[in-house]
Amino acid sequence: AICRPLRYGAIVSPRLCHLLAATCWLAGVPVSL
């Protein structure tokens, strides 16, 4: 947002955001198990 403001909308798409959020939730499960 601060260093690439003109490309923010193209890079940080809603689909990518939801994918990143889901990855953050699931990433700890294998290690924890």
PDB file of all heavy atoms in Angstrom:
ATOM      1  N   ALA A   1       0.823  -1.215   0.000  1.00  0.00           N
ATOM      2  CA  ALA A   1       0.000   0.000   0.000  1.00  0.00           C
ATOM      3  C   ALA A   1       0.855   1.262   0.000  1.00  0.00           C
ATOM      4  O   ALA A   1       0.495   2.261  -0.642  1.00  0.00           O
ATOM      5  CB  ALA A   1      -0.926  -0.002   1.212  1.00  0.00           C
ATOM      6  N   ILE A   2       1.994   1.232   0.688  1.00  0.00           N
ATOM      7  CA  ILE A   2       2.815   2.439   0.819  1.00  0.00           C
ATOM      8  C   ILE A   2       3.918   2.502  -0.229  1.00  0.00           C
ATOM      9  O   ILE A   2       4.194   3.565  -0.799  1.00  0.00           O
ATOM     10  CB  ILE A   2       3.416   2.510   2.242  1.00  0.00           C
ATOM     11  CG1 ILE A   2       2.289   2.701   3.266  1.00  0.00           C
ATOM     12  CG2 ILE A   2       4.439   3.634   2.368  1.00  0.00           C
ATOM     13  CD1 ILE A   2       2.740   2.609   4.709  1.00  0.00           C
ATOM     14  N   CYS A   3       4.524   1.373  -0.528  1.00  0.00           N
ATOM     15  CA  CYS A   3       5.656   1.371  -1.466  1.00  0.00           C
ATOM     16  C   CYS A   3       5.235   1.136  -2.916  1.00  0.00           C
ATOM     17  O   CYS A   3       5.989   1.493  -3.835  1.00  0.00           O
ATOM     18  CB  CYS A   3       6.660   0.292  -1.046  1.00  0.00           C
ATOM     19  SG  CYS A   3       7.325   0.509   0.621  1.00  0.00           S
ATOM     20  N   ARG A   4       4.075   0.528  -3.147  1.00  0.00           N
ATOM     21  CA  ARG A   4       3.576   0.299  -4.505  1.00  0.00           C
ATOM     22  C   ARG A   4       2.117   0.744  -4.614  1.00  0.00           C
ATOM     23  O   ARG A   4       1.245  -0.045  -4.994  1.00  0.00           O
ATOM     24  CB  ARG A   4       3.693  -1.205  -4.863  1.00  0.00           C
ATOM     25  CG  ARG A   4       5.093  -1.782  -4.810  1.00  0.00           C
ATOM     26  CD  ARG A   4       5.935  -1.314  -5.976  1.00  0.00           C
ATOM     27  NE  ARG A   4       7.225  -1.990  -6.009  1.00  0.00           N
ATOM     28  CZ  ARG A   4       8.309  -1.579  -5.370  1.00  0.00           C
ATOM     29  NH1 ARG A   4       8.248  -0.478  -4.624  1.00  0.00           N
ATOM     30  NH2 ARG A   4       9.441  -2.246  -5.441  1.00  0.00           N
ATOM     31  N   PRO A   5       1.831   1.984  -4.272  1.00  0.00           N
ATOM     32  CA  PRO A   5       0.421   2.417  -4.190  1.00  0.00           C
ATOM     33  C   PRO A   5      -0.329   2.324  -5.520  1.00  0.00           C
ATOM     34  O   PRO A   5      -1.531   2.022  -5.528  1.00  0.00           O
ATOM     35  CB  PRO A   5       0.530   3.870  -3.717  1.00  0.00           C
ATOM     36  CG  PRO A   5       1.910   4.303  -4.099  1.00  0.00           C
ATOM     37  CD  PRO A   5       2.762   3.085  -3.977  1.00  0.00           C
ATOM     38  N   LEU A   6       0.343   2.565  -6.637  1.00  0.00           N
ATOM     39  CA  LEU A   6      -0.340   2.541  -7.924  1.00  0.00           C
ATOM     40  C   LEU A   6      -0.716   1.125  -8.363  1.00  0.00           C
ATOM     41  O   LEU A   6      -1.633   0.951  -9.183  1.00  0.00           O
ATOM     42  CB  LEU A   6       0.530   3.204  -8.998  1.00  0.00           C
ATOM     43  CG  LEU A   6       0.866   4.683  -8.762  1.00  0.00           C
ATOM     44  CD1 LEU A   6       1.736   5.219  -9.885  1.00  0.00           C
ATOM     45  CD2 LEU A   6      -0.414   5.510  -8.636  1.00  0.00           C
ATOM     46  N   ARG A   7      -0.038   0.142  -7.848  1.00  0.00           N
ATOM     47  CA  ARG A   7      -0.317  -1.242  -8.213  1.00  0.00           C
ATOM     48  C   ARG A   7      -1.028  -2.015  -7.102  1.00  0.00           C
ATOM     49  O   ARG A   7      -1.245  -3.220  -7.219  1.00  0.00           O
ATOM     50  CB  ARG A   7       0.991  -1.962  -8.560  1.00  0.00           C
ATOM     51  CG  ARG A   7       1.753  -1.358  -9.735  1.00  0.00           C
ATOM     52  CD  ARG A   7       2.858  -2.287 -10.165  1.00  0.00           C
ATOM     53  NE  ARG A   7       2.338  -3.593 -10.574  1.00  0.00           N
ATOM     54  CZ  ARG A   7       3.073  -4.703 -10.620  1.00  0.00           C
ATOM     55  NH1 ARG A   7       4.354  -4.667 -10.292  1.00  0.00           N
ATOM     56  NH2 ARG A   7       2.536  -5.845 -10.982  1.00  0.00           N
ATOM     57  N   TYR A   8      -1.400  -1.309  -6.034  1.00  0.00           N
ATOM     58  CA  TYR A   8      -1.998  -1.982  -4.864  1.00  0.00           C
ATOM     59  C   TYR A   8      -3.258  -2.757  -5.238  1.00  0.00           C
ATOM     60  O   TYR A   8      -3.418  -3.926  -4.855  1.00  0.00           O
ATOM     61  CB  TYR A   8      -2.317  -0.941  -3.786  1.00  0.00           C
ATOM     62  CG  TYR A   8      -2.919  -1.538  -2.534  1.00  0.00           C
ATOM     63  CD1 TYR A   8      -2.123  -2.217  -1.606  1.00  0.00           C
ATOM     64  CD2 TYR A   8      -4.285  -1.430  -2.273  1.00  0.00           C
ATOM     65  CE1 TYR A   8      -2.672  -2.764  -0.459  1.00  0.00           C
ATOM     66  CE2 TYR A   8      -4.842  -1.978  -1.130  1.00  0.00           C
ATOM     67  CZ  TYR A   8      -4.036  -2.635  -0.227  1.00  0.00           C
ATOM     68  OH  TYR A   8      -4.586  -3.178   0.912  1.00  0.00           O
ATOM     69  N   GLY A   9      -4.163  -2.114  -5.975  1.00  0.00           N
ATOM     70  CA  GLY A   9      -5.412  -2.772  -6.339  1.00  0.00           C
ATOM     71  C   GLY A   9      -5.206  -4.003  -7.194  1.00  0.00           C
ATOM     72  O   GLY A   9      -5.953  -4.988  -7.089  1.00  0.00           O
ATOM     73  N   ALA A  10      -4.199  -3.980  -8.059  1.00  0.00           N
ATOM     74  CA  ALA A  10      -3.939  -5.124  -8.935  1.00  0.00           C
ATOM     75  C   ALA A  10      -3.254  -6.271  -8.191  1.00  0.00           C
ATOM     76  O   ALA A  10      -3.525  -7.442  -8.463  1.00  0.00           O
ATOM     77  CB  ALA A  10      -3.073  -4.688 -10.115  1.00  0.00           C
ATOM     78  N   ILE A  11      -2.362  -5.912  -7.248  1.00  0.00           N
ATOM     79  CA  ILE A  11      -1.620  -6.955  -6.528  1.00  0.00           C
ATOM     80  C   ILE A  11      -2.471  -7.574  -5.425  1.00  0.00           C
ATOM     81  O   ILE A  11      -2.601  -8.801  -5.329  1.00  0.00           O
ATOM     82  CB  ILE A  11      -0.326  -6.359  -5.932  1.00  0.00           C
ATOM     83  CG1 ILE A  11       0.607  -5.887  -7.044  1.00  0.00           C
ATOM     84  CG2 ILE A  11       0.371  -7.389  -5.046  1.00  0.00           C
ATOM     85  CD1 ILE A  11       1.842  -5.164  -6.540  1.00  0.00           C
ATOM     86  N   VAL A  12      -3.055  -6.733  -4.584  1.00  0.00           N
ATOM     87  CA  VAL A  12      -3.807  -7.224  -3.420  1.00  0.00           C
ATOM     88  C   VAL A  12      -5.273  -7.384  -3.822  1.00  0.00           C
ATOM     89  O   VAL A  12      -6.136  -6.603  -3.417  1.00  0.00           O
ATOM     90  CB  VAL A  12      -3.644  -6.267  -2.228  1.00  0.00           C
ATOM     91  CG1 VAL A  12      -4.232  -6.885  -0.959  1.00  0.00           C
ATOM     92  CG2 VAL A  12      -2.171  -5.927  -1.993  1.00  0.00           C
ATOM     93  N   SER A  13      -5.553  -8.412  -4.588  1.00  0.00           N
ATOM     94  CA  SER A  13      -6.916  -8.659  -5.052  1.00  0.00           C
ATOM     95  C   SER A  13      -7.725  -9.360  -3.961  1.00  0.00           C
ATOM     96  O   SER A  13      -7.158 -10.017  -3.072  1.00  0.00           O
ATOM     97  CB  SER A  13      -6.891  -9.543  -6.299  1.00  0.00           C
ATOM     98  OG  SER A  13      -6.349 -10.816  -5.993  1.00  0.00           O
ATOM     99  N   PRO A  14      -9.049  -9.255  -3.999  1.00  0.00           N
ATOM    100  CA  PRO A  14      -9.883  -9.944  -2.989  1.00  0.00           C
ATOM    101  C   PRO A  14      -9.643 -11.450  -2.970  1.00  0.00           C
ATOM    102  O   PRO A  14      -9.610 -12.068  -1.899  1.00  0.00           O
ATOM    103  CB  PRO A  14     -11.311  -9.612  -3.444  1.00  0.00           C
ATOM    104  CG  PRO A  14     -11.176  -8.308  -4.166  1.00  0.00           C
ATOM    105  CD  PRO A  14      -9.855  -8.375  -4.868  1.00  0.00           C
ATOM    106  N   ARG A  15      -9.467 -12.060  -4.137  1.00  0.00           N
ATOM    107  CA  ARG A  15      -9.228 -13.508  -4.193  1.00  0.00           C
ATOM    108  C   ARG A  15      -7.924 -13.871  -3.496  1.00  0.00           C
ATOM    109  O   ARG A  15      -7.863 -14.844  -2.721  1.00  0.00           O
ATOM    110  CB  ARG A  15      -9.193 -13.962  -5.655  1.00  0.00           C
ATOM    111  CG  ARG A  15      -9.040 -15.459  -5.837  1.00  0.00           C
ATOM    112  CD  ARG A  15      -9.148 -15.848  -7.305  1.00  0.00           C
ATOM    113  NE  ARG A  15      -9.011 -17.281  -7.490  1.00  0.00           N
ATOM    114  CZ  ARG A  15      -7.845 -17.916  -7.618  1.00  0.00           C
ATOM    115  NH1 ARG A  15      -6.719 -17.213  -7.570  1.00  0.00           N
ATOM    116  NH2 ARG A  15      -7.818 -19.222  -7.788  1.00  0.00           N
ATOM    117  N   LEU A  16      -6.876 -13.086  -3.740  1.00  0.00           N
ATOM    118  CA  LEU A  16      -5.593 -13.351  -3.095  1.00  0.00           C
ATOM    119  C   LEU A  16      -5.697 -13.152  -1.587  1.00  0.00           C
ATOM    120  O   LEU A  16      -5.118 -13.936  -0.818  1.00  0.00           O
ATOM    121  CB  LEU A  16      -4.518 -12.429  -3.675  1.00  0.00           C
ATOM    122  CG  LEU A  16      -3.120 -12.551  -3.055  1.00  0.00           C
ATOM    123  CD1 LEU A  16      -2.571 -13.962  -3.236  1.00  0.00           C
ATOM    124  CD2 LEU A  16      -2.166 -11.522  -3.653  1.00  0.00           C
ATOM    125  N   CYS A  17      -6.421 -12.146  -1.159  1.00  0.00           N
ATOM    126  CA  CYS A  17      -6.570 -11.881   0.275  1.00  0.00           C
ATOM    127  C   CYS A  17      -7.240 -13.054   0.993  1.00  0.00           C
ATOM    128  O   CYS A  17      -6.792 -13.482   2.064  1.00  0.00           O
ATOM    129  CB  CYS A  17      -7.371 -10.603   0.498  1.00  0.00           C
ATOM    130  SG  CYS A  17      -6.503  -9.100   0.021  1.00  0.00           S
ATOM    131  N   HIS A  18      -8.319 -13.566   0.422  1.00  0.00           N
ATOM    132  CA  HIS A  18      -9.006 -14.706   1.038  1.00  0.00           C
ATOM    133  C   HIS A  18      -8.132 -15.961   1.022  1.00  0.00           C
ATOM    134  O   HIS A  18      -8.151 -16.755   1.965  1.00  0.00           O
ATOM    135  CB  HIS A  18     -10.329 -14.970   0.324  1.00  0.00           C
ATOM    136  CG  HIS A  18     -11.396 -13.973   0.644  1.00  0.00           C
ATOM    137  ND1 HIS A  18     -11.657 -12.875  -0.147  1.00  0.00           N
ATOM    138  CD2 HIS A  18     -12.257 -13.875   1.696  1.00  0.00           C
ATOM    139  CE1 HIS A  18     -12.635 -12.172   0.376  1.00  0.00           C
ATOM    140  NE2 HIS A  18     -13.018 -12.745   1.499  1.00  0.00           N
ATOM    141  N   LEU A  19      -7.354 -16.123  -0.046  1.00  0.00           N
ATOM    142  CA  LEU A  19      -6.440 -17.258  -0.118  1.00  0.00           C
ATOM    143  C   LEU A  19      -5.350 -17.151   0.949  1.00  0.00           C
ATOM    144  O   LEU A  19      -5.020 -18.147   1.625  1.00  0.00           O
ATOM    145  CB  LEU A  19      -5.813 -17.325  -1.509  1.00  0.00           C
ATOM    146  CG  LEU A  19      -4.820 -18.472  -1.756  1.00  0.00           C
ATOM    147  CD1 LEU A  19      -5.518 -19.815  -1.603  1.00  0.00           C
ATOM    148  CD2 LEU A  19      -4.199 -18.352  -3.149  1.00  0.00           C
ATOM    149  N   LEU A  20      -4.799 -15.963   1.138  1.00  0.00           N
ATOM    150  CA  LEU A  20      -3.780 -15.758   2.165  1.00  0.00           C
ATOM    151  C   LEU A  20      -4.345 -15.983   3.559  1.00  0.00           C
ATOM    152  O   LEU A  20      -3.692 -16.600   4.422  1.00  0.00           O
ATOM    153  CB  LEU A  20      -3.207 -14.345   2.052  1.00  0.00           C
ATOM    154  CG  LEU A  20      -2.285 -14.073   0.866  1.00  0.00           C
ATOM    155  CD1 LEU A  20      -1.953 -12.584   0.775  1.00  0.00           C
ATOM    156  CD2 LEU A  20      -1.003 -14.895   0.973  1.00  0.00           C
ATOM    157  N   ALA A  21      -5.551 -15.484   3.810  1.00  0.00           N
ATOM    158  CA  ALA A  21      -6.175 -15.665   5.122  1.00  0.00           C
ATOM    159  C   ALA A  21      -6.398 -17.152   5.417  1.00  0.00           C
ATOM    160  O   ALA A  21      -6.116 -17.631   6.530  1.00  0.00           O
ATOM    161  CB  ALA A  21      -7.490 -14.901   5.190  1.00  0.00           C
ATOM    162  N   ALA A  22      -6.896 -17.894   4.429  1.00  0.00           N
ATOM    163  CA  ALA A  22      -7.122 -19.331   4.614  1.00  0.00           C
ATOM    164  C   ALA A  22      -5.800 -20.067   4.850  1.00  0.00           C
ATOM    165  O   ALA A  22      -5.721 -20.976   5.692  1.00  0.00           O
ATOM    166  CB  ALA A  22      -7.836 -19.907   3.399  1.00  0.00           C
ATOM    167  N   THR A  23      -4.760 -19.664   4.132  1.00  0.00           N
ATOM    168  CA  THR A  23      -3.439 -20.282   4.309  1.00  0.00           C
ATOM    169  C   THR A  23      -2.910 -20.045   5.711  1.00  0.00           C
ATOM    170  O   THR A  23      -2.336 -20.958   6.336  1.00  0.00           O
ATOM    171  CB  THR A  23      -2.451 -19.727   3.268  1.00  0.00           C
ATOM    172  OG1 THR A  23      -2.958 -19.968   1.959  1.00  0.00           O
ATOM    173  CG2 THR A  23      -1.080 -20.383   3.419  1.00  0.00           C
ATOM    174  N   CYS A  24      -3.100 -18.841   6.226  1.00  0.00           N
ATOM    175  CA  CYS A  24      -2.652 -18.527   7.588  1.00  0.00           C
ATOM    176  C   CYS A  24      -3.352 -19.410   8.623  1.00  0.00           C
ATOM    177  O   CYS A  24      -2.731 -19.866   9.586  1.00  0.00           O
ATOM    178  CB  CYS A  24      -2.906 -17.059   7.901  1.00  0.00           C
ATOM    179  SG  CYS A  24      -1.858 -15.907   6.989  1.00  0.00           S
ATOM    180  N   TRP A  25      -4.632 -19.659   8.426  1.00  0.00           N
ATOM    181  CA  TRP A  25      -5.383 -20.507   9.357  1.00  0.00           C
ATOM    182  C   TRP A  25      -4.905 -21.963   9.293  1.00  0.00           C
ATOM    183  O   TRP A  25      -4.790 -22.638  10.324  1.00  0.00           O
ATOM    184  CB  TRP A  25      -6.872 -20.457   9.033  1.00  0.00           C
ATOM    185  CG  TRP A  25      -7.597 -19.299   9.636  1.00  0.00           C
ATOM    186  CD1 TRP A  25      -7.949 -18.134   9.021  1.00  0.00           C
ATOM    187  CD2 TRP A  25      -8.066 -19.182  10.989  1.00  0.00           C
ATOM    188  NE1 TRP A  25      -8.599 -17.302   9.905  1.00  0.00           N
ATOM    189  CE2 TRP A  25      -8.695 -17.914  11.112  1.00  0.00           C
ATOM    190  CE3 TRP A  25      -8.015 -20.019  12.100  1.00  0.00           C
ATOM    191  CZ2 TRP A  25      -9.269 -17.468  12.307  1.00  0.00           C
ATOM    192  CZ3 TRP A  25      -8.584 -19.587  13.294  1.00  0.00           C
ATOM    193  CH2 TRP A  25      -9.199 -18.335  13.396  1.00  0.00           C
ATOM    194  N   LEU A  26      -4.635 -22.449   8.091  1.00  0.00           N
ATOM    195  CA  LEU A  26      -4.343 -23.871   7.910  1.00  0.00           C
ATOM    196  C   LEU A  26      -2.864 -24.217   8.083  1.00  0.00           C
ATOM    197  O   LEU A  26      -2.534 -25.380   8.321  1.00  0.00           O
ATOM    198  CB  LEU A  26      -4.801 -24.324   6.526  1.00  0.00           C
ATOM    199  CG  LEU A  26      -6.314 -24.227   6.254  1.00  0.00           C
ATOM    200  CD1 LEU A  26      -6.607 -24.575   4.806  1.00  0.00           C
ATOM    201  CD2 LEU A  26      -7.086 -25.144   7.196  1.00  0.00           C
ATOM    202  N   ALA A  27      -1.995 -23.222   7.969  1.00  0.00           N
ATOM    203  CA  ALA A  27      -0.555 -23.504   7.953  1.00  0.00           C
ATOM    204  C   ALA A  27      -0.063 -24.147   9.244  1.00  0.00           C
ATOM    205  O   ALA A  27       0.864 -24.973   9.225  1.00  0.00           O
ATOM    206  CB  ALA A  27       0.219 -22.209   7.693  1.00  0.00           C
ATOM    207  N   GLY A  28      -0.666 -23.788  10.372  1.00  0.00           N
ATOM    208  CA  GLY A  28      -0.179 -24.312  11.643  1.00  0.00           C
ATOM    209  C   GLY A  28      -0.639 -25.713  11.979  1.00  0.00           C
ATOM    210  O   GLY A  28      -0.079 -26.353  12.875  1.00  0.00           O
ATOM    211  N   VAL A  29      -1.641 -26.220  11.264  1.00  0.00           N
ATOM    212  CA  VAL A  29      -2.219 -27.517  11.632  1.00  0.00           C
ATOM    213  C   VAL A  29      -1.232 -28.671  11.463  1.00  0.00           C
ATOM    214  O   VAL A  29      -1.050 -29.478  12.395  1.00  0.00           O
ATOM    215  CB  VAL A  29      -3.515 -27.773  10.826  1.00  0.00           C
ATOM    216  CG1 VAL A  29      -4.057 -29.170  11.116  1.00  0.00           C
ATOM    217  CG2 VAL A  29      -4.557 -26.717  11.166  1.00  0.00           C
ATOM    218  N   PRO A  30      -0.547 -28.820  10.314  1.00  0.00           N
ATOM    219  CA  PRO A  30       0.385 -29.953  10.180  1.00  0.00           C
ATOM    220  C   PRO A  30       1.510 -29.920  11.223  1.00  0.00           C
ATOM    221  O   PRO A  30       1.821 -30.944  11.830  1.00  0.00           O
ATOM    222  CB  PRO A  30       0.937 -29.795   8.766  1.00  0.00           C
ATOM    223  CG  PRO A  30      -0.042 -28.944   8.049  1.00  0.00           C
ATOM    224  CD  PRO A  30      -0.608 -28.022   9.073  1.00  0.00           C
ATOM    225  N   VAL A  31       2.107 -28.758  11.416  1.00  0.00           N
ATOM    226  CA  VAL A  31       3.201 -28.641  12.389  1.00  0.00           C
ATOM    227  C   VAL A  31       2.709 -28.964  13.796  1.00  0.00           C
ATOM    228  O   VAL A  31       3.352 -29.700  14.549  1.00  0.00           O
ATOM    229  CB  VAL A  31       3.810 -27.221  12.343  1.00  0.00           C
ATOM    230  CG1 VAL A  31       4.887 -27.060  13.406  1.00  0.00           C
ATOM    231  CG2 VAL A  31       4.388 -26.941  10.965  1.00  0.00           C
ATOM    232  N   SER A  32       1.543 -28.430  14.154  1.00  0.00           N
ATOM    233  CA  SER A  32       0.988 -28.666  15.485  1.00  0.00           C
ATOM    234  C   SER A  32       0.685 -30.141  15.705  1.00  0.00           C
ATOM    235  O   SER A  32       0.958 -30.688  16.777  1.00  0.00           O
ATOM    236  CB  SER A  32      -0.283 -27.835  15.671  1.00  0.00           C
ATOM    237  OG  SER A  32      -0.041 -26.478  15.416  1.00  0.00           O
ATOM    238  N   LEU A  33       0.129 -30.784  14.692  1.00  0.00           N
ATOM    239  CA  LEU A  33      -0.179 -32.209  14.814  1.00  0.00           C
ATOM    240  C   LEU A  33       1.079 -33.035  15.025  1.00  0.00           C
ATOM    241  O   LEU A  33       1.126 -33.916  15.897  1.00  0.00           O
ATOM    242  CB  LEU A  33      -0.909 -32.687  13.553  1.00  0.00           C
ATOM    243  CG  LEU A  33      -2.435 -32.530  13.519  1.00  0.00           C
ATOM    244  CD1 LEU A  33      -2.962 -32.896  12.153  1.00  0.00           C
ATOM    245  CD2 LEU A  33      -3.088 -33.381  14.593  1.00  0.00           C
TER     246      LEU A  33
END
